Structure formats: C-alpha cells, structure tokens
Amino acid sequence: MTRAALAFAAFTALACGSAAAQTVGPEYTTARGNWNSGGGITVYAYTYEQDGYVAICGAWSADGQAAGTAFLNDDVIDAGHVSLGGTRIVDGLDFMTELRGGQGVGGPANCVLTGAPWDPSYAAMPPEIRLPRMVFPAGSGGSQKYTFRQVGG
C-alpha cells in the first residue's frame, strides 16, 4: 500500500467515527513487545463488522519497565498498526485504551469504526497486530540505547 493510501486509510478511520466501547475478553488477539532494559507492552485487539465496515476495539498495557522507557510507550503505540488478511485496517493505535496496574482481560477497550469495507472472510481471521522495532537514545551523549522489539502476536 502506498503512503498516500495509508494516510487516506488512517484519515478515514478517524473520520468515520467511533463504535461502542467494549471489555477486553478472551476472544481478543494479543501482541507483545519488550524493551531491552526490561518490561514491555501488551496490545489487545478485536475486529468485527458494523454497518458494512470494519470496527476495531483495543487496549494496551505496560509492565515492569525502567523509568527511562515508560514515557516512550506512546511512541510505540502511535507507530503500531492492525491488519486483516494482509490488508492494513488502521495505522496508529493511539485510539486504544491504556490499561493501568497490570489490567488486561476484563479491562475497558476503546473502539473505532474504520472506513475499511468489511469482507466476510474477515470473520474467520484474527487481527494482526504489528508493533515496529524502535530504537531511542537512552540519554544525552551516551551510546546506550533503549530498543523495543515485538516478540509475539
């Protein structure tokens, strides 16, 4: 997909509106990424059809992190995306609810109605969550770096 098409898809997802909030359940797909300094991020996503379009619900939580990486989580979430059957449905996961205190299944999930038309084959496909590998400087002038890498999902 070209950059223009990706930008349009992201705009369409935001322009189409929201769907009713849900609760993270066992049917949600999960993806996990870890920081090289310890701890990581878990993302939960679920897709369904609403009014002929793809709706996506999601949440994320962070755990066991060093103080230096906690403020970088939003950058990772903003750069993530969700696909169905190899088609990107939404770029940027910043619409998702941040769960605090180790909450996961049972926590609240925010939902959006995307501009992506629903394909009946999507009903049998779990969403594919991708979190990019990202590297951040750990401080001024040093060679130490914080690296985030997806390890599951």
Protein backbone atom coordinates (compact mmCIF):
# COMPACT_ATOMS: atom_id res chain seq x y z
CA MET A 1 0.00 0.00 0.00
CA THR A 2 1.38 3.43 -0.89
CA ARG A 3 1.99 6.19 1.66
CA ALA A 4 -0.93 8.14 0.22
CA ALA A 5 -3.24 5.15 0.57
CA LEU A 6 -2.04 4.57 4.15
CA ALA A 7 -2.62 8.22 5.01
CA PHE A 8 -6.10 8.06 3.50
CA ALA A 9 -6.88 4.86 5.46
CA ALA A 10 -5.75 6.49 8.71
CA PHE A 11 -7.80 9.62 7.93
CA THR A 12 -10.82 7.52 7.03
CA ALA A 13 -10.56 5.56 10.28
CA LEU A 14 -10.68 8.79 12.22
CA ALA A 15 -13.30 10.41 10.03
CA CYS A 16 -15.80 7.56 10.19
CA GLY A 17 -16.29 7.78 13.92
CA SER A 18 -16.42 5.55 16.89
CA ALA A 19 -18.06 2.30 17.83
CA ALA A 20 -19.38 1.35 21.25
CA ALA A 21 -16.69 0.68 23.86
CA GLN A 22 -16.22 -2.93 24.93
CA THR A 23 -14.45 -5.01 27.55
CA VAL A 24 -11.25 -6.90 26.69
CA GLY A 25 -12.17 -10.57 26.57
CA PRO A 26 -10.52 -13.89 25.78
CA GLU A 27 -11.52 -13.50 22.11
CA TYR A 28 -9.11 -10.58 21.73
CA THR A 29 -5.85 -11.14 19.87
CA THR A 30 -2.73 -10.14 21.78
CA ALA A 31 0.71 -8.98 20.75
CA ARG A 32 3.69 -8.42 23.00
CA GLY A 33 6.85 -6.37 22.68
CA ASN A 34 9.75 -5.99 25.10
CA TRP A 35 12.26 -3.29 25.95
CA ASN A 36 15.93 -4.26 26.10
CA SER A 37 16.02 -2.67 29.58
CA GLY A 38 13.19 -4.87 30.86
CA GLY A 39 9.42 -4.85 30.80
CA GLY A 40 7.23 -4.32 27.80
CA ILE A 41 3.88 -3.61 26.20
CA THR A 42 0.94 -5.94 25.55
CA VAL A 43 -1.69 -4.92 22.98
CA TYR A 44 -5.21 -6.40 22.77
CA ALA A 45 -7.33 -6.09 19.59
CA TYR A 46 -10.65 -7.36 18.30
CA THR A 47 -12.38 -6.69 14.98
CA TYR A 48 -15.99 -7.06 13.89
CA GLU A 49 -18.44 -5.83 11.24
CA GLN A 50 -20.53 -2.75 11.87
CA ASP A 51 -22.72 -1.20 9.17
CA GLY A 52 -20.66 -2.85 6.41
CA TYR A 53 -17.32 -1.57 7.73
CA VAL A 54 -14.56 -2.91 9.97
CA ALA A 55 -14.80 -1.84 13.59
CA ILE A 56 -11.78 -2.40 15.81
CA CYS A 57 -11.55 -2.37 19.59
CA GLY A 58 -8.34 -2.31 21.53
CA ALA A 59 -6.40 -1.65 24.66
CA TRP A 60 -2.78 -1.84 25.77
CA SER A 61 -0.84 -2.19 28.99
CA ALA A 62 2.77 -1.76 30.05
CA ASP A 63 4.58 -3.67 32.75
CA GLY A 64 7.93 -3.95 34.52
CA GLN A 65 9.59 -1.08 32.75
CA ALA A 66 12.59 1.03 33.59
CA ALA A 67 11.76 4.68 34.24
CA GLY A 68 13.58 5.63 31.04
CA THR A 69 11.23 3.72 28.74
CA ALA A 70 7.84 4.41 30.33
CA PHE A 71 7.46 7.74 28.53
CA LEU A 72 8.33 6.09 25.18
CA ASN A 73 5.35 3.72 25.16
CA ASP A 74 3.13 6.24 23.38
CA ASP A 75 5.63 6.45 20.51
CA VAL A 76 5.46 2.68 20.03
CA ILE A 77 1.65 2.61 20.25
CA ASP A 78 1.36 5.52 17.79
CA ALA A 79 3.54 3.62 15.28
CA GLY A 80 1.67 0.31 15.53
CA HIS A 81 -0.94 -0.96 13.10
CA VAL A 82 -3.60 -3.65 12.71
CA SER A 83 -4.23 -5.70 9.57
CA LEU A 84 -6.77 -8.30 8.49
CA GLY A 85 -5.80 -10.82 5.84
CA GLY A 86 -2.72 -8.78 4.97
CA THR A 87 -4.71 -5.55 4.49
CA ARG A 88 -3.90 -2.70 6.84
CA ILE A 89 -7.06 -1.63 8.58
CA VAL A 90 -5.73 1.06 10.91
CA ASP A 91 -2.40 2.82 11.36
CA GLY A 92 -1.61 4.21 14.77
CA LEU A 93 -3.07 2.55 17.84
CA ASP A 94 -3.43 5.73 19.89
CA PHE A 95 -7.23 5.31 19.93
CA MET A 96 -6.78 2.28 22.19
CA THR A 97 -7.37 2.49 25.93
CA GLU A 98 -4.26 2.45 28.11
CA LEU A 99 -4.83 -0.08 30.89
CA ARG A 100 -3.07 0.64 34.16
CA GLY A 101 -1.99 -1.54 37.03
CA GLY A 102 -1.47 -4.75 35.05
CA GLN A 103 -5.08 -4.86 33.91
CA GLY A 104 -5.72 -6.94 30.79
CA VAL A 105 -8.68 -9.22 30.17
CA GLY A 106 -11.66 -7.57 31.84
CA GLY A 107 -10.35 -4.05 31.25
CA PRO A 108 -12.05 -1.45 29.06
CA ALA A 109 -11.35 -1.28 25.32
CA ASN A 110 -11.98 1.73 23.12
CA CYS A 111 -13.42 1.12 19.64
CA VAL A 112 -13.38 2.92 16.29
CA LEU A 113 -15.36 2.40 13.13
CA THR A 114 -12.91 2.44 10.23
CA GLY A 115 -13.51 3.31 6.61
CA ALA A 116 -12.37 -0.16 5.54
CA PRO A 117 -15.21 -2.17 3.96
CA TRP A 118 -15.96 -5.43 5.76
CA ASP A 119 -15.08 -8.59 3.84
CA PRO A 120 -16.99 -11.69 5.02
CA SER A 121 -13.70 -13.63 5.11
CA TYR A 122 -12.54 -11.33 7.94
CA ALA A 123 -14.92 -13.09 10.34
CA ALA A 124 -12.60 -16.11 10.40
CA MET A 125 -9.38 -14.08 10.71
CA PRO A 126 -7.80 -12.80 13.89
CA PRO A 127 -6.44 -9.26 13.60
CA GLU A 128 -2.70 -9.00 13.02
CA ILE A 129 -1.13 -6.51 15.44
CA ARG A 130 2.26 -5.10 14.49
CA LEU A 131 4.48 -3.03 16.74
CA PRO A 132 7.59 -1.73 14.99
CA ARG A 133 11.11 -2.23 16.25
CA MET A 134 12.17 1.15 17.58
CA VAL A 135 15.44 2.49 18.97
CA PHE A 136 15.72 5.57 21.20
CA PRO A 137 18.78 7.22 22.74
CA ALA A 138 18.96 6.49 26.47
CA GLY A 139 20.49 9.82 27.37
CA SER A 140 22.49 12.73 26.10
CA GLY A 141 25.92 11.96 24.74
CA GLY A 142 25.95 8.27 25.61
CA SER A 143 25.97 5.24 23.40
CA GLN A 144 23.32 3.38 25.43
CA LYS A 145 20.00 2.93 23.63
CA TYR A 146 16.53 1.74 24.51
CA THR A 147 15.30 -0.79 21.96
CA PHE A 148 11.72 -2.01 21.64
CA ARG A 149 11.01 -5.19 19.70
CA GLN A 150 7.84 -7.20 19.14
CA VAL A 151 8.24 -10.76 20.40
CA GLY A 152 4.78 -12.26 19.97
CA GLY A 153 1.49 -11.84 18.22
